[in-house]
Amino acid sequence: MTDRPPKAHPPKDRPLKGRTPKDRFAKHPGKGAPSRRGAPARGNWRDQADHADGPVILYGWHTVTAALANPRRHIRKLLLTENAARRLADERIETRIAPEIARPQVIDQLLGPDAVHQGLFAEADPLPSPDIATLPQDGIVLVLDQITDPHNVGAIMRSAAAFAVKAIVTTARHSPEATGVLAKSASGALELVPLVTVQNLARALTAMNQRGFMTVGLDSAGSDNLAKVELTQPLALVLGAEGKGLRQLTRETCRVMTRLDMPGDIKSLNVSNAAALALYICASRLGLMP
């Protein structure tokens, strides 16, 4: 697993050829564009910590169109291929800023040959981060203890959006930034689930305990089967990295330590798969499923 994906920055002083087809983009919201649930406003809790203030790199159809549909996301720059521009116009998705038309190879050079960008590339400002003290007092919050793989974190965010998770709390160190590969893997969920970054996870969990959260750690060595634990809202589900799991201080700060009991010969799951299964169990037991 990698700690953090390298940032992709457009090369300086390279003019982009092509026209800006403003008249091709209708001023209507995109059909089927995701709506954003209200996120708590930025506060001043002292343990809050944001990642670098550089631009967020977004690419791929779902990732970029979700960002365009999010009024809280400030788009700095938008590159589109002719095909992508035509598709946006056909689906009446507003770009909000004038896009630059570029050849696919130009976007390839910005992102690398392995990035599946589908003809869309954007630079944007980071979203504001809510405070622990302002998290909603109902539903589920996910807490990630030094999960470093951006693919896993992105997949977890996608599951979190599917289960209407109120926020994701992660560490400032040993966690990927909310950009690039993570954003692509999240497939638009980055715009839907507030991301809280803290310097000290144990202190954040203590604050959540004090606010009435049931903090539930998930670890292969957990003493209780998650499917049989009596759960209450607000619930904080705490996940650790594959291999090392939850850190000792994290385990000690959780009110309950649980595990997933599997019927098959393989008893452990990839952390993103475990997150999806655990969220389904928690949402079902809390009566949050439709």
C-alpha atoms as a PDB file:
ATOM      1  CA  MET A   1       0.000   0.000   0.000  1.00  0.00           C
ATOM      2  CA  THR A   2       1.172   3.512  -0.695  1.00  0.00           C
ATOM      3  CA  ASP A   3       0.958   6.279   1.859  1.00  0.00           C
ATOM      4  CA  ARG A   4      -0.126   9.002  -0.447  1.00  0.00           C
ATOM      5  CA  PRO A   5      -0.640   9.321  -4.226  1.00  0.00           C
ATOM      6  CA  PRO A   6       1.654  11.788  -5.967  1.00  0.00           C
ATOM      7  CA  LYS A   7       0.001  15.081  -6.817  1.00  0.00           C
ATOM      8  CA  ALA A   8      -0.583  15.741 -10.481  1.00  0.00           C
ATOM      9  CA  HIS A   9      -0.037  19.336 -11.556  1.00  0.00           C
ATOM     10  CA  PRO A  10      -0.539  20.731 -15.047  1.00  0.00           C
ATOM     11  CA  PRO A  11       2.773  21.719 -16.644  1.00  0.00           C
ATOM     12  CA  LYS A  12       3.496  25.426 -16.550  1.00  0.00           C
ATOM     13  CA  ASP A  13       3.519  27.681 -19.611  1.00  0.00           C
ATOM     14  CA  ARG A  14       1.979  25.084 -21.890  1.00  0.00           C
ATOM     15  CA  PRO A  15      -0.849  26.651 -23.898  1.00  0.00           C
ATOM     16  CA  LEU A  16      -3.833  24.435 -24.523  1.00  0.00           C
ATOM     17  CA  LYS A  17      -5.081  24.468 -28.064  1.00  0.00           C
ATOM     18  CA  GLY A  18      -8.761  24.482 -28.814  1.00  0.00           C
ATOM     19  CA  ARG A  19     -11.832  26.599 -28.415  1.00  0.00           C
ATOM     20  CA  THR A  20     -14.113  27.254 -25.476  1.00  0.00           C
ATOM     21  CA  PRO A  21     -17.626  26.237 -26.548  1.00  0.00           C
ATOM     22  CA  LYS A  22     -19.610  28.328 -24.049  1.00  0.00           C
ATOM     23  CA  ASP A  23     -22.719  28.175 -26.201  1.00  0.00           C
ATOM     24  CA  ARG A  24     -22.743  24.367 -26.058  1.00  0.00           C
ATOM     25  CA  PHE A  25     -23.300  24.203 -22.292  1.00  0.00           C
ATOM     26  CA  ALA A  26     -26.882  24.846 -21.241  1.00  0.00           C
ATOM     27  CA  LYS A  27     -27.360  26.631 -17.932  1.00  0.00           C
ATOM     28  CA  HIS A  28     -29.307  23.814 -16.356  1.00  0.00           C
ATOM     29  CA  PRO A  29     -28.321  21.392 -13.599  1.00  0.00           C
ATOM     30  CA  GLY A  30     -27.354  17.967 -14.857  1.00  0.00           C
ATOM     31  CA  LYS A  31     -30.036  15.337 -15.057  1.00  0.00           C
ATOM     32  CA  GLY A  32     -29.618  12.870 -12.306  1.00  0.00           C
ATOM     33  CA  ALA A  33     -26.823  14.928 -10.754  1.00  0.00           C
ATOM     34  CA  PRO A  34     -26.276  13.952  -7.117  1.00  0.00           C
ATOM     35  CA  SER A  35     -27.673  16.297  -4.493  1.00  0.00           C
ATOM     36  CA  ARG A  36     -25.462  17.092  -1.535  1.00  0.00           C
ATOM     37  CA  ARG A  37     -26.583  16.504   1.997  1.00  0.00           C
ATOM     38  CA  GLY A  38     -25.989  19.455   4.264  1.00  0.00           C
ATOM     39  CA  ALA A  39     -22.643  19.350   6.005  1.00  0.00           C
ATOM     40  CA  PRO A  40     -21.842  21.036   9.299  1.00  0.00           C
ATOM     41  CA  ALA A  41     -20.242  24.437   8.958  1.00  0.00           C
ATOM     42  CA  ARG A  42     -16.553  24.915   9.623  1.00  0.00           C
ATOM     43  CA  GLY A  43     -15.892  25.648  13.298  1.00  0.00           C
ATOM     44  CA  ASN A  44     -12.835  26.127  15.426  1.00  0.00           C
ATOM     45  CA  TRP A  45     -12.278  22.851  17.270  1.00  0.00           C
ATOM     46  CA  ARG A  46      -8.583  22.962  18.093  1.00  0.00           C
ATOM     47  CA  ASP A  47      -7.754  19.426  16.933  1.00  0.00           C
ATOM     48  CA  GLN A  48      -8.962  20.044  13.407  1.00  0.00           C
ATOM     49  CA  ALA A  49      -6.242  19.727  10.773  1.00  0.00           C
ATOM     50  CA  ASP A  50      -6.531  20.126   7.014  1.00  0.00           C
ATOM     51  CA  HIS A  51      -4.213  18.608   4.446  1.00  0.00           C
ATOM     52  CA  ALA A  52      -2.240  20.798   2.084  1.00  0.00           C
ATOM     53  CA  ASP A  53      -4.006  23.802   0.575  1.00  0.00           C
ATOM     54  CA  GLY A  54      -2.981  22.947  -2.989  1.00  0.00           C
ATOM     55  CA  PRO A  55      -5.519  22.191  -5.699  1.00  0.00           C
ATOM     56  CA  VAL A  56      -7.583  19.039  -5.572  1.00  0.00           C
ATOM     57  CA  ILE A  57      -7.157  16.990  -8.741  1.00  0.00           C
ATOM     58  CA  LEU A  58     -10.369  15.410 -10.036  1.00  0.00           C
ATOM     59  CA  TYR A  59     -10.781  13.225 -13.094  1.00  0.00           C
ATOM     60  CA  GLY A  60     -13.263  10.769 -14.536  1.00  0.00           C
ATOM     61  CA  TRP A  61     -16.940  11.190 -15.428  1.00  0.00           C
ATOM     62  CA  HIS A  62     -18.623  10.523 -12.064  1.00  0.00           C
ATOM     63  CA  THR A  63     -15.960  12.341 -10.054  1.00  0.00           C
ATOM     64  CA  VAL A  64     -15.955  15.530 -12.115  1.00  0.00           C
ATOM     65  CA  THR A  65     -19.704  15.735 -12.760  1.00  0.00           C
ATOM     66  CA  ALA A  66     -20.385  15.262  -9.036  1.00  0.00           C
ATOM     67  CA  ALA A  67     -17.991  18.134  -8.321  1.00  0.00           C
ATOM     68  CA  LEU A  68     -19.716  20.304 -10.925  1.00  0.00           C
ATOM     69  CA  ALA A  69     -23.065  19.545  -9.260  1.00  0.00           C
ATOM     70  CA  ASN A  70     -21.752  20.514  -5.818  1.00  0.00           C
ATOM     71  CA  PRO A  71     -22.163  24.283  -5.272  1.00  0.00           C
ATOM     72  CA  ARG A  72     -19.718  24.137  -2.347  1.00  0.00           C
ATOM     73  CA  ARG A  73     -16.906  22.936  -4.616  1.00  0.00           C
ATOM     74  CA  HIS A  74     -15.011  25.804  -6.251  1.00  0.00           C
ATOM     75  CA  ILE A  75     -13.676  24.693  -9.632  1.00  0.00           C
ATOM     76  CA  ARG A  76     -10.453  26.430 -10.651  1.00  0.00           C
ATOM     77  CA  LYS A  77      -9.875  24.822 -14.012  1.00  0.00           C
ATOM     78  CA  LEU A  78     -11.701  22.365 -16.257  1.00  0.00           C
ATOM     79  CA  LEU A  79     -10.231  20.463 -19.188  1.00  0.00           C
ATOM     80  CA  LEU A  80     -12.494  18.464 -21.493  1.00  0.00           C
ATOM     81  CA  THR A  81     -12.009  16.460 -24.633  1.00  0.00           C
ATOM     82  CA  GLU A  82     -14.404  17.161 -27.506  1.00  0.00           C
ATOM     83  CA  ASN A  83     -16.302  13.946 -26.758  1.00  0.00           C
ATOM     84  CA  ALA A  84     -16.637  14.763 -23.061  1.00  0.00           C
ATOM     85  CA  ALA A  85     -17.775  18.316 -23.856  1.00  0.00           C
ATOM     86  CA  ARG A  86     -20.399  16.970 -26.245  1.00  0.00           C
ATOM     87  CA  ARG A  87     -21.678  14.497 -23.648  1.00  0.00           C
ATOM     88  CA  LEU A  88     -21.953  17.197 -20.980  1.00  0.00           C
ATOM     89  CA  ALA A  89     -23.887  19.382 -23.398  1.00  0.00           C
ATOM     90  CA  ASP A  90     -26.170  16.492 -24.394  1.00  0.00           C
ATOM     91  CA  GLU A  91     -26.946  15.773 -20.733  1.00  0.00           C
ATOM     92  CA  ARG A  92     -27.376  19.497 -20.026  1.00  0.00           C
ATOM     93  CA  ILE A  93     -24.792  19.505 -17.243  1.00  0.00           C
ATOM     94  CA  GLU A  94     -23.626  23.003 -16.355  1.00  0.00           C
ATOM     95  CA  THR A  95     -19.854  23.400 -16.143  1.00  0.00           C
ATOM     96  CA  ARG A  96     -20.002  26.628 -14.067  1.00  0.00           C
ATOM     97  CA  ILE A  97     -16.716  27.813 -15.603  1.00  0.00           C
ATOM     98  CA  ALA A  98     -15.622  28.008 -19.212  1.00  0.00           C
ATOM     99  CA  PRO A  99     -13.848  24.722 -20.020  1.00  0.00           C
ATOM    100  CA  GLU A 100     -10.696  24.356 -22.059  1.00  0.00           C
ATOM    101  CA  ILE A 101     -10.886  21.830 -24.883  1.00  0.00           C
ATOM    102  CA  ALA A 102      -7.878  19.510 -24.954  1.00  0.00           C
ATOM    103  CA  ARG A 103      -6.805  16.379 -26.740  1.00  0.00           C
ATOM    104  CA  PRO A 104      -6.925  13.152 -24.669  1.00  0.00           C
ATOM    105  CA  GLN A 105      -3.134  12.970 -24.834  1.00  0.00           C
ATOM    106  CA  VAL A 106      -2.847  16.295 -22.978  1.00  0.00           C
ATOM    107  CA  ILE A 107      -4.851  14.916 -20.048  1.00  0.00           C
ATOM    108  CA  ASP A 108      -2.824  11.704 -20.237  1.00  0.00           C
ATOM    109  CA  GLN A 109       0.336  13.770 -19.757  1.00  0.00           C
ATOM    110  CA  LEU A 110      -1.145  15.472 -16.696  1.00  0.00           C
ATOM    111  CA  LEU A 111      -2.294  12.282 -14.985  1.00  0.00           C
ATOM    112  CA  GLY A 112      -0.116   9.502 -16.353  1.00  0.00           C
ATOM    113  CA  PRO A 113      -0.974   6.717 -18.792  1.00  0.00           C
ATOM    114  CA  ASP A 114      -2.824   4.521 -16.278  1.00  0.00           C
ATOM    115  CA  ALA A 115      -5.447   7.090 -15.220  1.00  0.00           C
ATOM    116  CA  VAL A 116      -8.923   6.434 -16.642  1.00  0.00           C
ATOM    117  CA  HIS A 117     -10.052  10.041 -17.044  1.00  0.00           C
ATOM    118  CA  GLN A 118     -12.803   9.629 -19.683  1.00  0.00           C
ATOM    119  CA  GLY A 119     -11.905  13.029 -21.084  1.00  0.00           C
ATOM    120  CA  LEU A 120     -12.515  15.090 -17.923  1.00  0.00           C
ATOM    121  CA  PHE A 121      -9.907  16.771 -15.713  1.00  0.00           C
ATOM    122  CA  ALA A 122     -10.484  19.459 -13.093  1.00  0.00           C
ATOM    123  CA  GLU A 123      -8.516  21.432 -10.542  1.00  0.00           C
ATOM    124  CA  ALA A 124     -10.585  22.541  -7.558  1.00  0.00           C
ATOM    125  CA  ASP A 125     -10.339  23.955  -4.054  1.00  0.00           C
ATOM    126  CA  PRO A 126     -10.548  21.539  -1.110  1.00  0.00           C
ATOM    127  CA  LEU A 127     -13.951  21.327   0.530  1.00  0.00           C
ATOM    128  CA  PRO A 128     -14.314  22.836   4.014  1.00  0.00           C
ATOM    129  CA  SER A 129     -13.949  20.319   6.813  1.00  0.00           C
ATOM    130  CA  PRO A 130     -16.500  20.161   9.644  1.00  0.00           C
ATOM    131  CA  ASP A 131     -15.481  19.891  13.283  1.00  0.00           C
ATOM    132  CA  ILE A 132     -15.921  16.913  15.571  1.00  0.00           C
ATOM    133  CA  ALA A 133     -17.969  19.183  17.843  1.00  0.00           C
ATOM    134  CA  THR A 134     -20.537  19.842  15.113  1.00  0.00           C
ATOM    135  CA  LEU A 135     -21.113  16.301  13.826  1.00  0.00           C
ATOM    136  CA  PRO A 136     -24.790  15.260  13.713  1.00  0.00           C
ATOM    137  CA  GLN A 137     -26.115  13.457  16.779  1.00  0.00           C
ATOM    138  CA  ASP A 138     -27.752  10.694  14.767  1.00  0.00           C
ATOM    139  CA  GLY A 139     -26.847   8.069  12.206  1.00  0.00           C
ATOM    140  CA  ILE A 140     -23.370   6.681  11.551  1.00  0.00           C
ATOM    141  CA  VAL A 141     -19.932   8.279  11.381  1.00  0.00           C
ATOM    142  CA  LEU A 142     -16.949   6.331  10.027  1.00  0.00           C
ATOM    143  CA  VAL A 143     -13.528   6.699  11.647  1.00  0.00           C
ATOM    144  CA  LEU A 144     -10.427   5.528   9.748  1.00  0.00           C
ATOM    145  CA  ASP A 145      -7.282   4.763  11.740  1.00  0.00           C
ATOM    146  CA  GLN A 146      -4.313   5.327   9.403  1.00  0.00           C
ATOM    147  CA  ILE A 147      -5.724   3.574   6.338  1.00  0.00           C
ATOM    148  CA  THR A 148      -3.175   4.634   3.740  1.00  0.00           C
ATOM    149  CA  ASP A 149      -4.289   3.093   0.432  1.00  0.00           C
ATOM    150  CA  PRO A 150      -6.207   5.709  -1.622  1.00  0.00           C
ATOM    151  CA  HIS A 151      -8.091   2.990  -3.519  1.00  0.00           C
ATOM    152  CA  ASN A 152      -9.380   1.556  -0.238  1.00  0.00           C
ATOM    153  CA  VAL A 153     -10.299   4.940   1.214  1.00  0.00           C
ATOM    154  CA  GLY A 154     -12.069   5.919  -1.998  1.00  0.00           C
ATOM    155  CA  ALA A 155     -14.040   2.666  -2.022  1.00  0.00           C
ATOM    156  CA  ILE A 156     -14.925   3.189   1.655  1.00  0.00           C
ATOM    157  CA  MET A 157     -16.196   6.681   0.837  1.00  0.00           C
ATOM    158  CA  ARG A 158     -18.377   5.255  -1.929  1.00  0.00           C
ATOM    159  CA  SER A 159     -19.920   2.764   0.520  1.00  0.00           C
ATOM    160  CA  ALA A 160     -20.311   5.553   3.070  1.00  0.00           C
ATOM    161  CA  ALA A 161     -22.325   7.603   0.591  1.00  0.00           C
ATOM    162  CA  ALA A 162     -24.502   4.581  -0.200  1.00  0.00           C
ATOM    163  CA  PHE A 163     -25.318   4.089   3.493  1.00  0.00           C
ATOM    164  CA  ALA A 164     -25.859   7.822   4.192  1.00  0.00           C
ATOM    165  CA  VAL A 165     -22.899   8.077   6.568  1.00  0.00           C
ATOM    166  CA  LYS A 166     -22.836  11.530   8.165  1.00  0.00           C
ATOM    167  CA  ALA A 167     -19.065  12.046   7.988  1.00  0.00           C
ATOM    168  CA  ILE A 168     -15.708  10.284   7.771  1.00  0.00           C
ATOM    169  CA  VAL A 169     -13.012  11.085  10.336  1.00  0.00           C
ATOM    170  CA  THR A 170      -9.422  10.392   9.333  1.00  0.00           C
ATOM    171  CA  THR A 171      -5.919  11.223  10.514  1.00  0.00           C
ATOM    172  CA  ALA A 172      -3.820  14.087   9.171  1.00  0.00           C
ATOM    173  CA  ARG A 173      -0.793  11.781   8.943  1.00  0.00           C
ATOM    174  CA  HIS A 174      -0.674   8.336   7.354  1.00  0.00           C
ATOM    175  CA  SER A 175      -3.795   8.892   5.280  1.00  0.00           C
ATOM    176  CA  PRO A 176      -4.169   9.810   1.602  1.00  0.00           C
ATOM    177  CA  GLU A 177      -5.236  13.280   0.552  1.00  0.00           C
ATOM    178  CA  ALA A 178      -8.728  13.766  -0.863  1.00  0.00           C
ATOM    179  CA  THR A 179      -7.528  14.118  -4.431  1.00  0.00           C
ATOM    180  CA  GLY A 180      -6.434  12.111  -7.465  1.00  0.00           C
ATOM    181  CA  VAL A 181      -6.765   8.344  -7.117  1.00  0.00           C
ATOM    182  CA  LEU A 182      -8.837   8.586  -3.935  1.00  0.00           C
ATOM    183  CA  ALA A 183     -11.336  10.933  -5.581  1.00  0.00           C
ATOM    184  CA  LYS A 184     -11.565   8.703  -8.661  1.00  0.00           C
ATOM    185  CA  SER A 185     -12.108   5.584  -6.530  1.00  0.00           C
ATOM    186  CA  ALA A 186     -14.808   7.401  -4.543  1.00  0.00           C
ATOM    187  CA  SER A 187     -16.743   7.934  -7.799  1.00  0.00           C
ATOM    188  CA  GLY A 188     -18.366  11.181  -6.693  1.00  0.00           C
ATOM    189  CA  ALA A 189     -18.749  10.321  -2.996  1.00  0.00           C
ATOM    190  CA  LEU A 190     -16.132  12.933  -2.098  1.00  0.00           C
ATOM    191  CA  GLU A 191     -18.830  15.545  -2.749  1.00  0.00           C
ATOM    192  CA  LEU A 192     -21.429  13.772  -0.610  1.00  0.00           C
ATOM    193  CA  VAL A 193     -19.705  12.699   2.612  1.00  0.00           C
ATOM    194  CA  PRO A 194     -17.975  15.369   4.755  1.00  0.00           C
ATOM    195  CA  LEU A 195     -14.346  14.515   5.523  1.00  0.00           C
ATOM    196  CA  VAL A 196     -12.958  15.467   8.950  1.00  0.00           C
ATOM    197  CA  THR A 197      -9.163  15.415   9.344  1.00  0.00           C
ATOM    198  CA  VAL A 198      -7.700  15.376  12.865  1.00  0.00           C
ATOM    199  CA  GLN A 199      -4.196  15.386  14.299  1.00  0.00           C
ATOM    200  CA  ASN A 200      -4.933  13.083  17.241  1.00  0.00           C
ATOM    201  CA  LEU A 201      -7.431  10.287  16.632  1.00  0.00           C
ATOM    202  CA  ALA A 202      -7.619   9.126  20.250  1.00  0.00           C
ATOM    203  CA  ARG A 203      -8.474  12.643  21.350  1.00  0.00           C
ATOM    204  CA  ALA A 204     -11.118  12.892  18.629  1.00  0.00           C
ATOM    205  CA  LEU A 205     -12.662   9.590  19.755  1.00  0.00           C
ATOM    206  CA  THR A 206     -12.653  10.808  23.347  1.00  0.00           C
ATOM    207  CA  ALA A 207     -14.529  13.930  22.241  1.00  0.00           C
ATOM    208  CA  MET A 208     -17.053  11.748  20.410  1.00  0.00           C
ATOM    209  CA  ASN A 209     -17.491   9.559  23.498  1.00  0.00           C
ATOM    210  CA  GLN A 210     -18.192  12.673  25.535  1.00  0.00           C
ATOM    211  CA  ARG A 211     -20.819  13.783  23.013  1.00  0.00           C
ATOM    212  CA  GLY A 212     -22.693  10.506  23.358  1.00  0.00           C
ATOM    213  CA  PHE A 213     -21.379   8.570  20.376  1.00  0.00           C
ATOM    214  CA  MET A 214     -21.194   4.808  20.688  1.00  0.00           C
ATOM    215  CA  THR A 215     -17.637   4.235  19.445  1.00  0.00           C
ATOM    216  CA  VAL A 216     -17.368   0.725  18.013  1.00  0.00           C
ATOM    217  CA  GLY A 217     -13.995  -0.597  16.901  1.00  0.00           C
ATOM    218  CA  LEU A 218     -13.845  -3.289  14.219  1.00  0.00           C
ATOM    219  CA  ASP A 219     -10.879  -5.647  14.464  1.00  0.00           C
ATOM    220  CA  SER A 220     -10.269  -9.342  13.839  1.00  0.00           C
ATOM    221  CA  ALA A 221      -9.398  -9.671  17.534  1.00  0.00           C
ATOM    222  CA  GLY A 222     -12.586  -7.944  18.687  1.00  0.00           C
ATOM    223  CA  SER A 223     -14.351  -9.587  21.631  1.00  0.00           C
ATOM    224  CA  ASP A 224     -17.919  -9.310  20.280  1.00  0.00           C
ATOM    225  CA  ASN A 225     -19.619 -10.230  17.013  1.00  0.00           C
ATOM    226  CA  LEU A 226     -20.753  -6.944  15.431  1.00  0.00           C
ATOM    227  CA  ALA A 227     -23.965  -8.567  14.211  1.00  0.00           C
ATOM    228  CA  LYS A 228     -24.982  -9.358  17.808  1.00  0.00           C
ATOM    229  CA  VAL A 229     -23.987  -6.162  19.614  1.00  0.00           C
ATOM    230  CA  GLU A 230     -26.789  -3.826  20.705  1.00  0.00           C
ATOM    231  CA  LEU A 231     -26.075  -0.626  18.791  1.00  0.00           C
ATOM    232  CA  THR A 232     -27.276   2.914  19.468  1.00  0.00           C
ATOM    233  CA  GLN A 233     -27.171   6.254  17.642  1.00  0.00           C
ATOM    234  CA  PRO A 234     -25.082   8.253  17.107  1.00  0.00           C
ATOM    235  CA  LEU A 235     -22.651   5.496  16.164  1.00  0.00           C
ATOM    236  CA  ALA A 236     -18.968   5.866  15.295  1.00  0.00           C
ATOM    237  CA  LEU A 237     -17.616   2.802  13.469  1.00  0.00           C
ATOM    238  CA  VAL A 238     -13.816   2.675  13.708  1.00  0.00           C
ATOM    239  CA  LEU A 239     -11.761   0.807  11.084  1.00  0.00           C
ATOM    240  CA  GLY A 240      -8.026   0.130  10.975  1.00  0.00           C
ATOM    241  CA  ALA A 241      -5.537  -0.558   8.222  1.00  0.00           C
ATOM    242  CA  GLU A 242      -5.169  -4.027   6.772  1.00  0.00           C
ATOM    243  CA  GLY A 243      -2.535  -6.073   8.537  1.00  0.00           C
ATOM    244  CA  LYS A 244      -1.875  -3.971  11.630  1.00  0.00           C
ATOM    245  CA  GLY A 245      -5.541  -3.188  12.324  1.00  0.00           C
ATOM    246  CA  LEU A 246      -6.430  -0.637  14.985  1.00  0.00           C
ATOM    247  CA  ARG A 247      -3.657   0.900  17.053  1.00  0.00           C
ATOM    248  CA  GLN A 248      -3.565   0.077  20.756  1.00  0.00           C
ATOM    249  CA  LEU A 249      -4.647   3.537  21.936  1.00  0.00           C
ATOM    250  CA  THR A 250      -7.487   3.524  19.408  1.00  0.00           C
ATOM    251  CA  ARG A 251      -8.725   0.180  20.720  1.00  0.00           C
ATOM    252  CA  GLU A 252      -8.540   1.425  24.295  1.00  0.00           C
ATOM    253  CA  THR A 253     -10.572   4.533  23.426  1.00  0.00           C
ATOM    254  CA  CYS A 254     -13.408   2.636  21.705  1.00  0.00           C
ATOM    255  CA  ARG A 255     -16.300   1.709  23.980  1.00  0.00           C
ATOM    256  CA  VAL A 256     -16.788  -1.672  22.287  1.00  0.00           C
ATOM    257  CA  MET A 257     -14.432  -3.839  20.233  1.00  0.00           C
ATOM    258  CA  THR A 258     -16.139  -6.030  17.648  1.00  0.00           C
ATOM    259  CA  ARG A 259     -15.328  -8.433  14.842  1.00  0.00           C
ATOM    260  CA  LEU A 260     -17.012  -9.802  11.725  1.00  0.00           C
ATOM    261  CA  ASP A 261     -17.726 -13.531  12.013  1.00  0.00           C
ATOM    262  CA  MET A 262     -17.517 -15.119   8.560  1.00  0.00           C
ATOM    263  CA  PRO A 263     -18.977 -18.548   7.686  1.00  0.00           C
ATOM    264  CA  GLY A 264     -16.363 -19.460   5.064  1.00  0.00           C
ATOM    265  CA  ASP A 265     -12.775 -20.643   5.263  1.00  0.00           C
ATOM    266  CA  ILE A 266     -11.422 -17.121   4.698  1.00  0.00           C
ATOM    267  CA  LYS A 267     -12.071 -15.132   7.848  1.00  0.00           C
ATOM    268  CA  SER A 268     -10.718 -11.716   6.867  1.00  0.00           C
ATOM    269  CA  LEU A 269     -11.777  -9.200   4.226  1.00  0.00           C
ATOM    270  CA  ASN A 270     -10.183  -6.288   2.428  1.00  0.00           C
ATOM    271  CA  VAL A 271     -10.822  -3.206   4.582  1.00  0.00           C
ATOM    272  CA  SER A 272     -13.122  -1.600   2.009  1.00  0.00           C
ATOM    273  CA  ASN A 273     -15.192  -4.797   1.769  1.00  0.00           C
ATOM    274  CA  ALA A 274     -15.269  -5.083   5.553  1.00  0.00           C
ATOM    275  CA  ALA A 275     -16.448  -1.474   5.752  1.00  0.00           C
ATOM    276  CA  ALA A 276     -19.331  -2.116   3.355  1.00  0.00           C
ATOM    277  CA  LEU A 277     -20.429  -5.243   5.240  1.00  0.00           C
ATOM    278  CA  ALA A 278     -20.116  -3.547   8.631  1.00  0.00           C
ATOM    279  CA  LEU A 279     -22.092  -0.532   7.415  1.00  0.00           C
ATOM    280  CA  TYR A 280     -24.879  -2.803   6.192  1.00  0.00           C
ATOM    281  CA  ILE A 281     -24.999  -4.577   9.560  1.00  0.00           C
ATOM    282  CA  CYS A 282     -25.014  -1.301  11.490  1.00  0.00           C
ATOM    283  CA  ALA A 283     -27.577   0.415   9.262  1.00  0.00           C
ATOM    284  CA  SER A 284     -29.862  -2.625   9.435  1.00  0.00           C
ATOM    285  CA  ARG A 285     -29.630  -2.946  13.214  1.00  0.00           C
ATOM    286  CA  LEU A 286     -30.183   0.774  13.728  1.00  0.00           C
ATOM    287  CA  GLY A 287     -33.272   0.793  11.502  1.00  0.00           C
ATOM    288  CA  LEU A 288     -31.668   3.054   8.902  1.00  0.00           C
ATOM    289  CA  MET A 289     -32.336   0.841   5.885  1.00  0.00           C
ATOM    290  CA  PRO A 290     -35.370   1.666   3.688  1.00  0.00           C
END
